[in-house]
Amino acid sequence: MDSAPPSYKGRRHPVEVIAHCVWLYFRFPLSFREVEELILGRGVLVSHETVHRWCARLGQAYAGALRRRQPRPGDERHLGEVFMKIDGEQRSTCGGPSTPTAMSLDFLVQSRRDTAAARHFFRRLLKKTHALPRVVVTDELRSYGAAHREVMPSVEHRSHKGLNNRAENSHQPTRRRERAMKGFRSTGGAQRFLAAFSGISPHYRSRHHLMTAPGYRAGMTLRFAIWGQATGAAGA
């Protein structure tokens, strides 16, 4: 497993500043200009264009490093769709977690909801996880059933709206972020953002209401330590 942080060769800002800006943007509903203002308040001069470049070039690398440090995904996949506005048009985005607290294994923005689109997503998911799940849970969209029979016929498929609340709930932060951003300008931009957002934001989301205050603080301290390792800021 390659766990080395990304290269910062040629960057004139410290690793800690770069990683902090990327964390602010993907963790909270902030614009690039708002991140610029927050960093300026700490005495660091960084333009919003630079923050944009850092997020575009390093966001997916950070998310991938965090995913590689996650426990092995469970054998149950909950997959669902969320509709997002991209360049003024509604597009379908597939994704979903394997456990209630896990980050989404993948996100795929597509213009269709047919069998070919579902088949593409299933094959992409298998390639990324390198393992067949025991159970796949989806909503009642028929194209999921057809794609399942083609790609993974030996895997149990459960199709019911009520069973897939886990996937639906995992999309809520994405919906809130889309509203804050007032949609996306392009399919490629949406795909790049979601690939990073689905790996970084859930890393800091814990089930706070089920934890004691000391337990929550200890858990968050560990998550920040993992972030430092993934970005290289811990050894800077």
C-alpha atoms as a PDB file:
ATOM      1  CA  MET A   1       0.000   0.000   0.000  1.00  0.00           C
ATOM      2  CA  ASP A   2       1.457   3.352  -1.029  1.00  0.00           C
ATOM      3  CA  SER A   3       0.917   5.639   1.955  1.00  0.00           C
ATOM      4  CA  ALA A   4       3.454   8.333   1.049  1.00  0.00           C
ATOM      5  CA  PRO A   5       2.054  11.895   1.070  1.00  0.00           C
ATOM      6  CA  PRO A   6       1.910  13.845  -2.214  1.00  0.00           C
ATOM      7  CA  SER A   7       4.913  15.788  -3.462  1.00  0.00           C
ATOM      8  CA  TYR A   8       5.109  19.503  -2.682  1.00  0.00           C
ATOM      9  CA  LYS A   9       8.110  20.191  -4.887  1.00  0.00           C
ATOM     10  CA  GLY A  10       8.075  23.746  -6.206  1.00  0.00           C
ATOM     11  CA  ARG A  11       5.498  25.011  -3.704  1.00  0.00           C
ATOM     12  CA  ARG A  12       6.566  28.178  -1.918  1.00  0.00           C
ATOM     13  CA  HIS A  13       4.029  27.883   0.913  1.00  0.00           C
ATOM     14  CA  PRO A  14       4.550  25.517   3.858  1.00  0.00           C
ATOM     15  CA  VAL A  15       2.833  22.143   3.764  1.00  0.00           C
ATOM     16  CA  GLU A  16       0.821  23.048   6.869  1.00  0.00           C
ATOM     17  CA  VAL A  17      -0.723  26.077   5.118  1.00  0.00           C
ATOM     18  CA  ILE A  18      -1.588  24.111   1.972  1.00  0.00           C
ATOM     19  CA  ALA A  19      -3.136  21.211   3.886  1.00  0.00           C
ATOM     20  CA  HIS A  20      -5.074  23.591   6.152  1.00  0.00           C
ATOM     21  CA  CYS A  21      -6.580  25.481   3.210  1.00  0.00           C
ATOM     22  CA  VAL A  22      -7.665  22.255   1.504  1.00  0.00           C
ATOM     23  CA  TRP A  23      -9.134  21.023   4.793  1.00  0.00           C
ATOM     24  CA  LEU A  24     -11.122  24.229   5.283  1.00  0.00           C
ATOM     25  CA  TYR A  25     -12.592  24.117   1.786  1.00  0.00           C
ATOM     26  CA  PHE A  26     -13.700  20.477   1.789  1.00  0.00           C
ATOM     27  CA  ARG A  27     -14.669  20.255   5.440  1.00  0.00           C
ATOM     28  CA  PHE A  28     -16.885  23.372   5.622  1.00  0.00           C
ATOM     29  CA  PRO A  29     -19.244  25.095   3.134  1.00  0.00           C
ATOM     30  CA  LEU A  30     -16.742  27.840   2.306  1.00  0.00           C
ATOM     31  CA  SER A  31     -15.843  29.523  -0.957  1.00  0.00           C
ATOM     32  CA  PHE A  32     -12.235  29.970  -2.061  1.00  0.00           C
ATOM     33  CA  ARG A  33     -12.457  33.674  -1.187  1.00  0.00           C
ATOM     34  CA  GLU A  34     -13.705  32.846   2.316  1.00  0.00           C
ATOM     35  CA  VAL A  35     -10.785  30.451   2.833  1.00  0.00           C
ATOM     36  CA  GLU A  36      -8.474  33.249   1.657  1.00  0.00           C
ATOM     37  CA  GLU A  37      -9.985  35.568   4.265  1.00  0.00           C
ATOM     38  CA  LEU A  38      -9.698  33.037   7.091  1.00  0.00           C
ATOM     39  CA  ILE A  39      -6.049  32.383   6.290  1.00  0.00           C
ATOM     40  CA  LEU A  40      -5.349  36.126   6.018  1.00  0.00           C
ATOM     41  CA  GLY A  41      -6.798  36.494   9.533  1.00  0.00           C
ATOM     42  CA  ARG A  42      -3.970  34.264  10.711  1.00  0.00           C
ATOM     43  CA  GLY A  43      -1.376  36.444   8.998  1.00  0.00           C
ATOM     44  CA  VAL A  44      -0.828  34.278   5.878  1.00  0.00           C
ATOM     45  CA  LEU A  45      -1.218  35.885   2.455  1.00  0.00           C
ATOM     46  CA  VAL A  46      -2.708  33.408  -0.038  1.00  0.00           C
ATOM     47  CA  SER A  47      -4.923  34.308  -3.001  1.00  0.00           C
ATOM     48  CA  HIS A  48      -8.203  32.514  -3.654  1.00  0.00           C
ATOM     49  CA  GLU A  49      -6.846  31.400  -7.055  1.00  0.00           C
ATOM     50  CA  THR A  50      -3.997  29.630  -5.272  1.00  0.00           C
ATOM     51  CA  VAL A  51      -6.445  27.955  -2.888  1.00  0.00           C
ATOM     52  CA  HIS A  52      -8.423  26.814  -5.936  1.00  0.00           C
ATOM     53  CA  ARG A  53      -5.327  25.259  -7.517  1.00  0.00           C
ATOM     54  CA  TRP A  54      -4.382  23.485  -4.296  1.00  0.00           C
ATOM     55  CA  CYS A  55      -7.855  21.990  -3.913  1.00  0.00           C
ATOM     56  CA  ALA A  56      -7.983  20.898  -7.565  1.00  0.00           C
ATOM     57  CA  ARG A  57      -4.524  19.321  -7.565  1.00  0.00           C
ATOM     58  CA  LEU A  58      -4.334  17.879  -4.051  1.00  0.00           C
ATOM     59  CA  GLY A  59      -7.932  17.246  -2.960  1.00  0.00           C
ATOM     60  CA  GLN A  60      -8.254  13.850  -4.631  1.00  0.00           C
ATOM     61  CA  ALA A  61      -4.748  12.831  -3.498  1.00  0.00           C
ATOM     62  CA  TYR A  62      -5.632  13.640   0.127  1.00  0.00           C
ATOM     63  CA  ALA A  63      -8.937  11.776  -0.156  1.00  0.00           C
ATOM     64  CA  GLY A  64      -7.200   8.736  -1.629  1.00  0.00           C
ATOM     65  CA  ALA A  65      -4.630   8.736   1.167  1.00  0.00           C
ATOM     66  CA  LEU A  66      -7.403   8.836   3.769  1.00  0.00           C
ATOM     67  CA  ARG A  67      -9.277   5.987   2.055  1.00  0.00           C
ATOM     68  CA  ARG A  68      -6.143   3.835   2.062  1.00  0.00           C
ATOM     69  CA  ARG A  69      -5.928   4.323   5.821  1.00  0.00           C
ATOM     70  CA  GLN A  70      -9.539   3.236   6.361  1.00  0.00           C
ATOM     71  CA  PRO A  71     -10.379  -0.277   7.597  1.00  0.00           C
ATOM     72  CA  ARG A  72     -11.247  -2.801   4.913  1.00  0.00           C
ATOM     73  CA  PRO A  73     -14.778  -2.115   3.596  1.00  0.00           C
ATOM     74  CA  GLY A  74     -17.541  -4.339   4.899  1.00  0.00           C
ATOM     75  CA  ASP A  75     -19.107  -7.006   2.726  1.00  0.00           C
ATOM     76  CA  GLU A  76     -22.358  -5.062   2.385  1.00  0.00           C
ATOM     77  CA  ARG A  77     -22.628  -2.229  -0.160  1.00  0.00           C
ATOM     78  CA  HIS A  78     -25.398   0.369   0.037  1.00  0.00           C
ATOM     79  CA  LEU A  79     -25.641   2.225  -3.257  1.00  0.00           C
ATOM     80  CA  GLY A  80     -27.904   5.097  -4.173  1.00  0.00           C
ATOM     81  CA  GLU A  81     -28.280   8.175  -6.321  1.00  0.00           C
ATOM     82  CA  VAL A  82     -28.449  11.884  -5.740  1.00  0.00           C
ATOM     83  CA  PHE A  83     -29.492  14.371  -8.413  1.00  0.00           C
ATOM     84  CA  MET A  84     -27.330  17.452  -8.760  1.00  0.00           C
ATOM     85  CA  LYS A  85     -27.532  20.551 -10.921  1.00  0.00           C
ATOM     86  CA  ILE A  86     -24.580  20.718 -13.327  1.00  0.00           C
ATOM     87  CA  ASP A  87     -24.460  23.550 -15.862  1.00  0.00           C
ATOM     88  CA  GLY A  88     -28.173  24.102 -15.304  1.00  0.00           C
ATOM     89  CA  GLU A  89     -29.137  20.453 -15.926  1.00  0.00           C
ATOM     90  CA  GLN A  90     -30.016  17.666 -13.525  1.00  0.00           C
ATOM     91  CA  ARG A  91     -27.428  14.852 -13.456  1.00  0.00           C
ATOM     92  CA  SER A  92     -27.380  11.597 -11.548  1.00  0.00           C
ATOM     93  CA  THR A  93     -24.562  10.857  -9.085  1.00  0.00           C
ATOM     94  CA  CYS A  94     -24.069   7.310  -7.797  1.00  0.00           C
ATOM     95  CA  GLY A  95     -22.385   6.463  -4.524  1.00  0.00           C
ATOM     96  CA  GLY A  96     -22.806   5.014  -1.081  1.00  0.00           C
ATOM     97  CA  PRO A  97     -21.061   3.727   2.062  1.00  0.00           C
ATOM     98  CA  SER A  98     -20.401   0.188   3.266  1.00  0.00           C
ATOM     99  CA  THR A  99     -21.093   0.971   6.953  1.00  0.00           C
ATOM    100  CA  PRO A 100     -23.058   3.746   8.736  1.00  0.00           C
ATOM    101  CA  THR A 101     -19.902   5.672   9.652  1.00  0.00           C
ATOM    102  CA  ALA A 102     -17.762   4.896   6.577  1.00  0.00           C
ATOM    103  CA  MET A 103     -16.976   7.311   3.781  1.00  0.00           C
ATOM    104  CA  SER A 104     -18.458   6.613   0.373  1.00  0.00           C
ATOM    105  CA  LEU A 105     -16.362   4.139  -1.568  1.00  0.00           C
ATOM    106  CA  ASP A 106     -16.791   6.062  -4.799  1.00  0.00           C
ATOM    107  CA  PHE A 107     -18.806   8.728  -6.607  1.00  0.00           C
ATOM    108  CA  LEU A 108     -19.628   8.718 -10.303  1.00  0.00           C
ATOM    109  CA  VAL A 109     -21.416  11.559 -12.115  1.00  0.00           C
ATOM    110  CA  GLN A 110     -23.443  10.357 -15.113  1.00  0.00           C
ATOM    111  CA  SER A 111     -26.009  11.859 -17.447  1.00  0.00           C
ATOM    112  CA  ARG A 112     -28.176   8.717 -17.655  1.00  0.00           C
ATOM    113  CA  ARG A 113     -29.916   6.322 -15.286  1.00  0.00           C
ATOM    114  CA  ASP A 114     -29.985   3.289 -17.582  1.00  0.00           C
ATOM    115  CA  THR A 115     -28.431  -0.175 -17.357  1.00  0.00           C
ATOM    116  CA  ALA A 116     -25.200   0.940 -19.039  1.00  0.00           C
ATOM    117  CA  ALA A 117     -24.695   3.646 -16.420  1.00  0.00           C
ATOM    118  CA  ALA A 118     -25.366   1.222 -13.539  1.00  0.00           C
ATOM    119  CA  ARG A 119     -23.062  -1.375 -15.114  1.00  0.00           C
ATOM    120  CA  HIS A 120     -20.294   1.196 -15.439  1.00  0.00           C
ATOM    121  CA  PHE A 121     -20.613   2.133 -11.776  1.00  0.00           C
ATOM    122  CA  PHE A 122     -20.625  -1.491 -10.578  1.00  0.00           C
ATOM    123  CA  ARG A 123     -17.486  -2.319 -12.569  1.00  0.00           C
ATOM    124  CA  ARG A 124     -15.744   0.838 -11.365  1.00  0.00           C
ATOM    125  CA  LEU A 125     -16.585  -0.046  -7.760  1.00  0.00           C
ATOM    126  CA  LEU A 126     -15.272  -3.608  -8.122  1.00  0.00           C
ATOM    127  CA  LYS A 127     -12.045  -2.326  -9.663  1.00  0.00           C
ATOM    128  CA  LYS A 128     -11.537   0.114  -6.789  1.00  0.00           C
ATOM    129  CA  THR A 129     -12.308  -2.308  -3.930  1.00  0.00           C
ATOM    130  CA  HIS A 130     -10.725  -5.430  -5.521  1.00  0.00           C
ATOM    131  CA  ALA A 131     -13.351  -7.616  -3.845  1.00  0.00           C
ATOM    132  CA  LEU A 132     -16.858  -8.918  -4.400  1.00  0.00           C
ATOM    133  CA  PRO A 133     -19.322  -7.881  -1.682  1.00  0.00           C
ATOM    134  CA  ARG A 134     -21.673 -10.345  -0.053  1.00  0.00           C
ATOM    135  CA  VAL A 135     -24.752  -8.132  -0.441  1.00  0.00           C
ATOM    136  CA  VAL A 136     -25.597  -5.116  -2.599  1.00  0.00           C
ATOM    137  CA  VAL A 137     -28.498  -2.932  -1.434  1.00  0.00           C
ATOM    138  CA  THR A 138     -30.056  -0.457  -3.883  1.00  0.00           C
ATOM    139  CA  ASP A 139     -33.307   1.348  -4.445  1.00  0.00           C
ATOM    140  CA  GLU A 140     -35.959  -0.043  -6.780  1.00  0.00           C
ATOM    141  CA  LEU A 141     -34.509   1.368 -10.014  1.00  0.00           C
ATOM    142  CA  ARG A 142     -34.702  -1.509 -12.511  1.00  0.00           C
ATOM    143  CA  SER A 143     -31.397  -0.730 -14.175  1.00  0.00           C
ATOM    144  CA  TYR A 144     -29.602  -1.747 -10.951  1.00  0.00           C
ATOM    145  CA  GLY A 145     -31.107  -5.227 -11.173  1.00  0.00           C
ATOM    146  CA  ALA A 146     -30.137  -5.651 -14.825  1.00  0.00           C
ATOM    147  CA  ALA A 147     -26.566  -4.446 -14.224  1.00  0.00           C
ATOM    148  CA  HIS A 148     -26.261  -6.677 -11.160  1.00  0.00           C
ATOM    149  CA  ARG A 149     -27.187  -9.780 -13.167  1.00  0.00           C
ATOM    150  CA  GLU A 150     -24.493  -8.917 -15.740  1.00  0.00           C
ATOM    151  CA  VAL A 151     -21.621  -7.795 -13.517  1.00  0.00           C
ATOM    152  CA  MET A 152     -21.990  -9.688 -10.216  1.00  0.00           C
ATOM    153  CA  PRO A 153     -24.672 -12.412 -10.538  1.00  0.00           C
ATOM    154  CA  SER A 154     -23.267 -14.397  -7.585  1.00  0.00           C
ATOM    155  CA  VAL A 155     -23.795 -11.469  -5.175  1.00  0.00           C
ATOM    156  CA  GLU A 156     -27.074 -11.155  -3.286  1.00  0.00           C
ATOM    157  CA  HIS A 157     -29.060  -8.102  -4.425  1.00  0.00           C
ATOM    158  CA  ARG A 158     -31.641  -6.480  -2.166  1.00  0.00           C
ATOM    159  CA  SER A 159     -33.776  -3.849  -3.811  1.00  0.00           C
ATOM    160  CA  HIS A 160     -36.056  -1.863  -1.533  1.00  0.00           C
ATOM    161  CA  LYS A 161     -36.397   1.832  -0.780  1.00  0.00           C
ATOM    162  CA  GLY A 162     -36.618   1.357   2.980  1.00  0.00           C
ATOM    163  CA  LEU A 163     -33.493  -0.797   3.158  1.00  0.00           C
ATOM    164  CA  ASN A 164     -31.319   1.823   1.523  1.00  0.00           C
ATOM    165  CA  ASN A 165     -31.660   4.664   4.030  1.00  0.00           C
ATOM    166  CA  ARG A 166     -27.928   4.380   4.732  1.00  0.00           C
ATOM    167  CA  ALA A 167     -27.052   5.472   1.196  1.00  0.00           C
ATOM    168  CA  GLU A 168     -29.728   8.167   1.192  1.00  0.00           C
ATOM    169  CA  ASN A 169     -28.440   9.596   4.481  1.00  0.00           C
ATOM    170  CA  SER A 170     -24.860   9.580   3.187  1.00  0.00           C
ATOM    171  CA  HIS A 171     -25.929  11.924   0.379  1.00  0.00           C
ATOM    172  CA  GLN A 172     -27.273  14.640   2.707  1.00  0.00           C
ATOM    173  CA  PRO A 173     -23.918  16.434   3.193  1.00  0.00           C
ATOM    174  CA  THR A 174     -23.463  16.387  -0.594  1.00  0.00           C
ATOM    175  CA  ARG A 175     -26.868  17.984  -1.100  1.00  0.00           C
ATOM    176  CA  ARG A 176     -26.106  20.689   1.464  1.00  0.00           C
ATOM    177  CA  ARG A 177     -22.778  21.460  -0.172  1.00  0.00           C
ATOM    178  CA  GLU A 178     -24.342  21.606  -3.637  1.00  0.00           C
ATOM    179  CA  ARG A 179     -26.890  24.165  -2.405  1.00  0.00           C
ATOM    180  CA  ALA A 180     -24.116  26.248  -0.822  1.00  0.00           C
ATOM    181  CA  MET A 181     -22.153  26.166  -4.100  1.00  0.00           C
ATOM    182  CA  LYS A 182     -25.324  26.833  -6.165  1.00  0.00           C
ATOM    183  CA  GLY A 183     -24.594  23.878  -8.412  1.00  0.00           C
ATOM    184  CA  PHE A 184     -21.596  22.908 -10.528  1.00  0.00           C
ATOM    185  CA  ARG A 185     -20.424  24.378 -13.819  1.00  0.00           C
ATOM    186  CA  SER A 186     -19.258  21.165 -15.499  1.00  0.00           C
ATOM    187  CA  THR A 187     -19.471  17.387 -15.153  1.00  0.00           C
ATOM    188  CA  GLY A 188     -15.688  17.124 -14.828  1.00  0.00           C
ATOM    189  CA  GLY A 189     -15.614  19.757 -12.106  1.00  0.00           C
ATOM    190  CA  ALA A 190     -18.397  17.993 -10.203  1.00  0.00           C
ATOM    191  CA  GLN A 191     -16.610  14.638 -10.492  1.00  0.00           C
ATOM    192  CA  ARG A 192     -13.315  16.071  -9.220  1.00  0.00           C
ATOM    193  CA  PHE A 193     -14.970  17.878  -6.327  1.00  0.00           C
ATOM    194  CA  LEU A 194     -17.053  14.869  -5.230  1.00  0.00           C
ATOM    195  CA  ALA A 195     -14.081  12.496  -5.460  1.00  0.00           C
ATOM    196  CA  ALA A 196     -12.248  14.692  -2.939  1.00  0.00           C
ATOM    197  CA  PHE A 197     -15.249  15.770  -0.841  1.00  0.00           C
ATOM    198  CA  SER A 198     -16.490  12.187  -0.336  1.00  0.00           C
ATOM    199  CA  GLY A 199     -13.114  11.228   1.126  1.00  0.00           C
ATOM    200  CA  ILE A 200     -12.191  14.281   3.191  1.00  0.00           C
ATOM    201  CA  SER A 201     -15.447  15.503   4.716  1.00  0.00           C
ATOM    202  CA  PRO A 202     -16.641  12.127   6.152  1.00  0.00           C
ATOM    203  CA  HIS A 203     -13.240  11.608   7.768  1.00  0.00           C
ATOM    204  CA  TYR A 204     -14.169  14.317  10.293  1.00  0.00           C
ATOM    205  CA  ARG A 205     -17.827  13.355  10.721  1.00  0.00           C
ATOM    206  CA  SER A 206     -18.295  11.263  13.857  1.00  0.00           C
ATOM    207  CA  ARG A 207     -21.424  10.101  15.626  1.00  0.00           C
ATOM    208  CA  HIS A 208     -20.980  12.839  18.238  1.00  0.00           C
ATOM    209  CA  HIS A 209     -24.426  12.316  19.765  1.00  0.00           C
ATOM    210  CA  LEU A 210     -23.458   8.756  20.769  1.00  0.00           C
ATOM    211  CA  MET A 211     -20.119   9.702  22.353  1.00  0.00           C
ATOM    212  CA  THR A 212     -18.954  11.265  25.595  1.00  0.00           C
ATOM    213  CA  ALA A 213     -17.103  14.586  25.348  1.00  0.00           C
ATOM    214  CA  PRO A 214     -13.688  13.027  26.210  1.00  0.00           C
ATOM    215  CA  GLY A 215     -14.299  10.211  23.733  1.00  0.00           C
ATOM    216  CA  TYR A 216     -15.241  12.680  21.011  1.00  0.00           C
ATOM    217  CA  ARG A 217     -12.129  14.799  21.603  1.00  0.00           C
ATOM    218  CA  ALA A 218      -9.882  11.719  21.600  1.00  0.00           C
ATOM    219  CA  GLY A 219     -11.460  10.511  18.366  1.00  0.00           C
ATOM    220  CA  MET A 220     -11.031  13.876  16.664  1.00  0.00           C
ATOM    221  CA  THR A 221      -7.422  14.097  17.835  1.00  0.00           C
ATOM    222  CA  LEU A 222      -6.781  10.751  16.140  1.00  0.00           C
ATOM    223  CA  ARG A 223      -8.497  11.925  12.945  1.00  0.00           C
ATOM    224  CA  PHE A 224      -6.341  15.048  12.819  1.00  0.00           C
ATOM    225  CA  ALA A 225      -3.243  12.902  13.341  1.00  0.00           C
ATOM    226  CA  ILE A 226      -4.237  10.685  10.410  1.00  0.00           C
ATOM    227  CA  TRP A 227      -4.846  13.806   8.317  1.00  0.00           C
ATOM    228  CA  GLY A 228      -1.352  15.028   9.157  1.00  0.00           C
ATOM    229  CA  GLN A 229       0.129  11.713   8.030  1.00  0.00           C
ATOM    230  CA  ALA A 230      -1.918  11.616   4.827  1.00  0.00           C
ATOM    231  CA  THR A 231      -0.985  15.154   3.798  1.00  0.00           C
ATOM    232  CA  GLY A 232       2.572  15.142   5.061  1.00  0.00           C
ATOM    233  CA  ALA A 233       1.898  18.066   7.408  1.00  0.00           C
ATOM    234  CA  ALA A 234       2.710  15.937  10.467  1.00  0.00           C
ATOM    235  CA  GLY A 235       6.350  15.566   9.497  1.00  0.00           C
ATOM    236  CA  ALA A 236       6.837  19.050   8.126  1.00  0.00           C
END
